[in-house]
Amino acid sequence: MGVEKDIEKAILAYLNRLPEVYARKVYSNAYSSGWLDIMACVQGRMVVIEVKAPGKEATSLQTKEIYKWSDAGAVAFMADNLPRVQSIIAELIEEIDATSA
């Protein structure tokens, strides 16, 4: 398994251990070029993640997808390590908790 797949697997395992979270891998084919790797729902908020190996960049199509999802209100970003995802998700959960208190 490659580094990117290992990171993706770790991110999915982390997300799916959290309460009120569901995450899955998005498989791509010729008709889904540019789609991001992981889709998740975190306590009612849409999260999409493009996973890359350290030092790699998102393609222009993937970058456009990140912006489209963000503009629509989702939390969308690229990650090349689990701690980045953990930090962003922790901030999101804090934001959700603060608005529902």
Protein backbone atom coordinates (compact mmCIF):
# COMPACT_ATOMS: atom_id res chain seq x y z
CA MET A 1 0.00 0.00 0.00
CA GLY A 2 1.28 3.50 -0.82
CA VAL A 3 1.80 6.37 1.58
CA GLU A 4 -1.32 8.18 0.35
CA LYS A 5 -3.48 5.08 0.87
CA ASP A 6 -2.05 4.63 4.38
CA ILE A 7 -2.92 8.24 5.26
CA GLU A 8 -6.39 7.83 3.78
CA LYS A 9 -6.97 4.65 5.78
CA ALA A 10 -5.84 6.35 9.01
CA ILE A 11 -8.13 9.34 8.36
CA LEU A 12 -11.14 7.11 7.70
CA ALA A 13 -10.47 5.03 10.82
CA TYR A 14 -10.16 8.20 12.92
CA LEU A 15 -13.33 9.80 11.55
CA ASN A 16 -15.45 6.67 11.89
CA ARG A 17 -14.45 6.29 15.56
CA LEU A 18 -15.93 9.68 16.40
CA PRO A 19 -19.50 9.96 17.68
CA GLU A 20 -22.06 11.30 15.21
CA VAL A 21 -19.64 10.94 12.30
CA TYR A 22 -19.85 8.86 9.14
CA ALA A 23 -17.07 8.88 6.56
CA ARG A 24 -16.35 6.89 3.43
CA LYS A 25 -13.88 6.66 0.59
CA VAL A 26 -15.03 8.06 -2.74
CA TYR A 27 -13.86 5.79 -5.53
CA SER A 28 -13.09 7.47 -8.81
CA ASN A 29 -13.30 6.40 -12.41
CA ALA A 30 -13.26 8.04 -15.82
CA TYR A 31 -16.51 9.88 -15.01
CA SER A 32 -15.44 11.26 -11.66
CA SER A 33 -12.17 13.01 -12.43
CA GLY A 34 -11.36 15.60 -9.78
CA TRP A 35 -13.64 14.18 -7.11
CA LEU A 36 -12.21 14.35 -3.62
CA ASP A 37 -11.13 11.22 -1.73
CA ILE A 38 -13.24 11.26 1.43
CA MET A 39 -16.78 12.43 2.12
CA ALA A 40 -17.99 12.67 5.70
CA CYS A 41 -20.78 14.03 7.82
CA VAL A 42 -19.59 15.39 11.16
CA GLN A 43 -22.49 16.10 13.49
CA GLY A 44 -24.59 17.29 10.56
CA ARG A 45 -21.84 19.20 8.71
CA MET A 46 -20.54 18.05 5.35
CA VAL A 47 -16.77 17.46 5.19
CA VAL A 48 -14.81 16.56 2.06
CA ILE A 49 -11.11 15.81 2.04
CA GLU A 50 -8.55 15.38 -0.71
CA VAL A 51 -5.77 13.14 0.58
CA LYS A 52 -2.24 13.51 -0.77
CA ALA A 53 1.13 12.07 0.12
CA PRO A 54 3.38 14.59 1.88
CA GLY A 55 4.85 17.04 -0.61
CA LYS A 56 2.20 16.37 -3.27
CA GLU A 57 -0.30 19.00 -4.40
CA ALA A 58 -3.94 18.75 -5.42
CA THR A 59 -4.63 18.90 -9.15
CA SER A 60 -6.37 21.97 -10.54
CA LEU A 61 -9.61 19.96 -10.82
CA GLN A 62 -9.35 18.88 -7.18
CA THR A 63 -8.60 22.44 -6.08
CA LYS A 64 -11.68 23.66 -7.95
CA GLU A 65 -13.75 20.97 -6.21
CA ILE A 66 -12.45 22.07 -2.82
CA TYR A 67 -13.52 25.65 -3.58
CA LYS A 68 -16.95 24.56 -4.89
CA TRP A 69 -17.65 22.51 -1.77
CA SER A 70 -16.43 25.34 0.47
CA ASP A 71 -18.55 27.90 -1.36
CA ALA A 72 -21.57 25.62 -0.81
CA GLY A 73 -20.94 25.58 2.95
CA ALA A 74 -19.00 22.34 3.39
CA VAL A 75 -15.71 22.02 5.21
CA ALA A 76 -13.39 21.09 2.33
CA PHE A 77 -9.63 20.81 2.40
CA MET A 78 -6.54 18.87 1.39
CA ALA A 79 -4.64 16.83 3.94
CA ASP A 80 -1.32 14.99 3.81
CA ASN A 81 -1.36 13.76 7.40
CA LEU A 82 -3.76 12.67 10.12
CA PRO A 83 -2.90 15.44 12.63
CA ARG A 84 -4.11 18.08 10.13
CA VAL A 85 -7.47 16.33 9.87
CA GLN A 86 -7.70 15.90 13.63
CA SER A 87 -7.06 19.61 14.15
CA ILE A 88 -9.65 20.74 11.59
CA ILE A 89 -12.28 18.30 12.88
CA ALA A 90 -11.64 19.34 16.50
CA GLU A 91 -12.18 23.00 15.53
CA LEU A 92 -15.35 22.07 13.64
CA ILE A 93 -16.77 20.14 16.59
CA GLU A 94 -15.94 23.05 18.93
CA GLU A 95 -17.77 25.40 16.54
CA ILE A 96 -20.78 23.09 16.37
CA ASP A 97 -20.86 22.72 20.17
CA ALA A 98 -20.62 26.49 20.66
CA THR A 99 -23.51 27.22 18.30
CA SER A 100 -25.75 24.54 19.79
CA ALA A 101 -25.15 25.53 23.42
